[in-house]
C-alpha atoms as a PDB file:
ATOM      1  CA  MET A   1     106.074  53.415 148.869  1.00  0.00           C
ATOM      2  CA  SER A   2     106.482  50.243 150.917  1.00  0.00           C
ATOM      3  CA  ARG A   3     103.867  47.489 150.958  1.00  0.00           C
ATOM      4  CA  TYR A   4     103.151  48.290 154.600  1.00  0.00           C
ATOM      5  CA  THR A   5     102.599  51.992 153.854  1.00  0.00           C
ATOM      6  CA  SER A   6     100.317  51.039 150.957  1.00  0.00           C
ATOM      7  CA  LEU A   7      98.256  48.779 153.226  1.00  0.00           C
ATOM      8  CA  CYS A   8      97.968  51.515 155.849  1.00  0.00           C
ATOM      9  CA  ALA A   9      96.725  53.907 153.153  1.00  0.00           C
ATOM     10  CA  ALA A  10      94.176  51.308 151.987  1.00  0.00           C
ATOM     11  CA  ILE A  11      92.952  50.882 155.574  1.00  0.00           C
ATOM     12  CA  ARG A  12      92.459  54.646 155.882  1.00  0.00           C
ATOM     13  CA  ILE A  13      90.527  54.681 152.597  1.00  0.00           C
ATOM     14  CA  VAL A  14      88.239  51.874 153.763  1.00  0.00           C
ATOM     15  CA  GLU A  15      87.704  53.676 157.086  1.00  0.00           C
ATOM     16  CA  GLY A  16      86.767  56.846 155.179  1.00  0.00           C
ATOM     17  CA  ILE A  17      84.331  54.960 152.974  1.00  0.00           C
ATOM     18  CA  ARG A  18      82.828  53.259 156.028  1.00  0.00           C
ATOM     19  CA  GLU A  19      81.878  56.649 157.499  1.00  0.00           C
ATOM     20  CA  ILE A  20      79.662  57.286 154.458  1.00  0.00           C
ATOM     21  CA  PHE A  21      77.453  54.260 155.146  1.00  0.00           C
ATOM     22  CA  GLN A  22      74.624  54.280 157.637  1.00  0.00           C
ATOM     23  CA  ILE A  23      75.191  52.420 160.881  1.00  0.00           C
ATOM     24  CA  GLY A  24      74.021  48.810 160.734  1.00  0.00           C
ATOM     25  CA  THR A  25      73.941  48.486 156.943  1.00  0.00           C
ATOM     26  CA  VAL A  26      75.415  45.587 155.018  1.00  0.00           C
ATOM     27  CA  GLN A  27      77.910  47.942 153.384  1.00  0.00           C
ATOM     28  CA  GLU A  28      79.160  49.102 156.791  1.00  0.00           C
ATOM     29  CA  GLN A  29      79.595  45.499 157.936  1.00  0.00           C
ATOM     30  CA  LYS A  30      81.483  44.574 154.762  1.00  0.00           C
ATOM     31  CA  SER A  31      83.769  47.581 155.111  1.00  0.00           C
ATOM     32  CA  ASP A  32      84.494  46.515 158.706  1.00  0.00           C
ATOM     33  CA  GLU A  33      85.426  43.025 157.475  1.00  0.00           C
ATOM     34  CA  ILE A  34      87.671  44.463 154.760  1.00  0.00           C
ATOM     35  CA  ARG A  35      89.362  46.768 157.265  1.00  0.00           C
ATOM     36  CA  ARG A  36      90.026  43.869 159.677  1.00  0.00           C
ATOM     37  CA  ASP A  37      91.417  41.729 156.842  1.00  0.00           C
ATOM     38  CA  LEU A  38      93.691  44.547 155.683  1.00  0.00           C
ATOM     39  CA  MET A  39      94.901  45.084 159.241  1.00  0.00           C
ATOM     40  CA  ASP A  40      95.748  41.380 159.566  1.00  0.00           C
ATOM     41  CA  ILE A  41      97.622  41.462 156.256  1.00  0.00           C
ATOM     42  CA  ALA A  42      99.480  44.592 157.387  1.00  0.00           C
ATOM     43  CA  LYS A  43     100.616  42.732 160.511  1.00  0.00           C
ATOM     44  CA  ASP A  44     101.913  39.909 158.332  1.00  0.00           C
ATOM     45  CA  VAL A  45     103.761  42.339 156.067  1.00  0.00           C
ATOM     46  CA  ARG A  46     105.264  44.275 158.957  1.00  0.00           C
ATOM     47  CA  TYR A  47     106.270  41.333 161.149  1.00  0.00           C
ATOM     48  CA  GLY A  48     107.017  38.744 158.494  1.00  0.00           C
ATOM     49  CA  GLY A  49     103.845  36.753 159.058  1.00  0.00           C
ATOM     50  CA  VAL A  50     105.506  34.237 161.329  1.00  0.00           C
ATOM     51  CA  TRP A  51     102.968  31.989 162.993  1.00  0.00           C
ATOM     52  CA  SER A  52     104.042  29.566 165.665  1.00  0.00           C
ATOM     53  CA  GLY A  53     100.856  27.837 166.761  1.00  0.00           C
ATOM     54  CA  ASP A  54      99.771  24.232 166.589  1.00  0.00           C
ATOM     55  CA  TYR A  55      98.179  23.474 163.217  1.00  0.00           C
ATOM     56  CA  GLU A  56      96.373  20.397 164.514  1.00  0.00           C
ATOM     57  CA  ILE A  57      94.668  22.317 167.323  1.00  0.00           C
ATOM     58  CA  VAL A  58      93.471  24.989 164.884  1.00  0.00           C
ATOM     59  CA  ALA A  59      92.212  22.333 162.440  1.00  0.00           C
ATOM     60  CA  LYS A  60      90.414  20.417 165.195  1.00  0.00           C
ATOM     61  CA  CYS A  61      88.816  23.571 166.594  1.00  0.00           C
ATOM     62  CA  LEU A  62      87.687  24.617 163.104  1.00  0.00           C
ATOM     63  CA  GLU A  63      85.975  21.251 162.709  1.00  0.00           C
ATOM     64  CA  GLU A  64      84.330  21.600 166.119  1.00  0.00           C
ATOM     65  CA  CYS A  65      83.223  25.142 165.290  1.00  0.00           C
ATOM     66  CA  ALA A  66      81.695  24.008 161.991  1.00  0.00           C
ATOM     67  CA  GLU A  67      79.742  21.324 163.855  1.00  0.00           C
ATOM     68  CA  GLN A  68      78.872  23.790 166.659  1.00  0.00           C
ATOM     69  CA  ASN A  69      80.463  21.586 169.318  1.00  0.00           C
ATOM     70  CA  CYS A  70      81.415  24.573 171.448  1.00  0.00           C
ATOM     71  CA  PHE A  71      81.705  22.587 174.669  1.00  0.00           C
ATOM     72  CA  VAL A  72      84.785  20.698 173.382  1.00  0.00           C
ATOM     73  CA  CYS A  73      86.452  23.594 171.548  1.00  0.00           C
ATOM     74  CA  GLY A  74      89.692  24.852 173.063  1.00  0.00           C
ATOM     75  CA  TYR A  75      89.069  28.397 171.868  1.00  0.00           C
ATOM     76  CA  LYS A  76      85.695  28.590 173.617  1.00  0.00           C
ATOM     77  CA  LYS A  77      87.385  27.774 176.911  1.00  0.00           C
ATOM     78  CA  LEU A  78      89.961  30.522 176.373  1.00  0.00           C
ATOM     79  CA  LEU A  79      87.758  33.222 174.865  1.00  0.00           C
ATOM     80  CA  PRO A  80      84.083  33.147 175.864  1.00  0.00           C
ATOM     81  CA  ASN A  81      81.223  35.281 174.520  1.00  0.00           C
ATOM     82  CA  GLY A  82      81.693  34.643 170.807  1.00  0.00           C
ATOM     83  CA  SER A  83      85.159  36.165 170.529  1.00  0.00           C
ATOM     84  CA  CYS A  84      86.488  32.612 170.244  1.00  0.00           C
ATOM     85  CA  THR A  85      85.315  32.296 166.627  1.00  0.00           C
ATOM     86  CA  GLU A  86      87.043  35.528 165.636  1.00  0.00           C
ATOM     87  CA  ALA A  87      90.308  34.434 167.288  1.00  0.00           C
ATOM     88  CA  LEU A  88      90.056  30.998 165.664  1.00  0.00           C
ATOM     89  CA  LYS A  89      89.484  32.521 162.226  1.00  0.00           C
ATOM     90  CA  LYS A  90      92.464  34.843 162.657  1.00  0.00           C
ATOM     91  CA  ASP A  91      94.708  31.969 163.763  1.00  0.00           C
ATOM     92  CA  ALA A  92      93.513  29.850 160.853  1.00  0.00           C
ATOM     93  CA  ALA A  93      94.190  32.666 158.385  1.00  0.00           C
ATOM     94  CA  ALA A  94      97.653  33.253 159.861  1.00  0.00           C
ATOM     95  CA  ALA A  95      98.419  29.527 159.702  1.00  0.00           C
ATOM     96  CA  ILE A  96      97.311  29.306 156.074  1.00  0.00           C
ATOM     97  CA  ARG A  97      99.381  32.341 155.074  1.00  0.00           C
ATOM     98  CA  HIS A  98     102.389  30.920 156.929  1.00  0.00           C
ATOM     99  CA  LEU A  99     102.004  27.565 155.183  1.00  0.00           C
ATOM    100  CA  GLY A 100     101.718  29.363 151.840  1.00  0.00           C
ATOM    101  CA  ARG A 101     104.992  31.185 152.437  1.00  0.00           C
ATOM    102  CA  GLU A 102     106.725  27.984 153.564  1.00  0.00           C
ATOM    103  CA  SER A 103     105.460  26.183 150.461  1.00  0.00           C
ATOM    104  CA  ALA A 104     106.670  29.005 148.204  1.00  0.00           C
ATOM    105  CA  LYS A 105     110.113  28.881 149.869  1.00  0.00           C
ATOM    106  CA  ARG A 106     110.343  25.125 149.244  1.00  0.00           C
ATOM    107  CA  GLU A 107     109.337  25.564 145.608  1.00  0.00           C
ATOM    108  CA  GLU A 108     111.994  28.251 145.126  1.00  0.00           C
ATOM    109  CA  ALA A 109     114.607  26.010 146.721  1.00  0.00           C
ATOM    110  CA  THR A 110     113.827  23.145 144.332  1.00  0.00           C
ATOM    111  CA  GLU A 111     114.026  25.313 141.200  1.00  0.00           C
END
């Protein structure tokens, strides 16, 4: 079984478990978060996890988000109504995973 197929199976399992919980419970919310994380990881596995954004913009927007300076955040201008934080988190996670892979490649090359 490929890693992608395994992740898809895990997503289906989490979706099945989610149906057991009552709507609005903490368990349902956590299962939603797990499902979204697994879906993001599956995208990375399937497409190689290549991220081609600007690290500095993501870092700056994360700082602004932490300080709740929404009026200067680039993501808020692009994605209003709270979806900006979700998009920023996904970009930050993709950037971190991409940097991790690049770092691992450099370490392998020096060995």
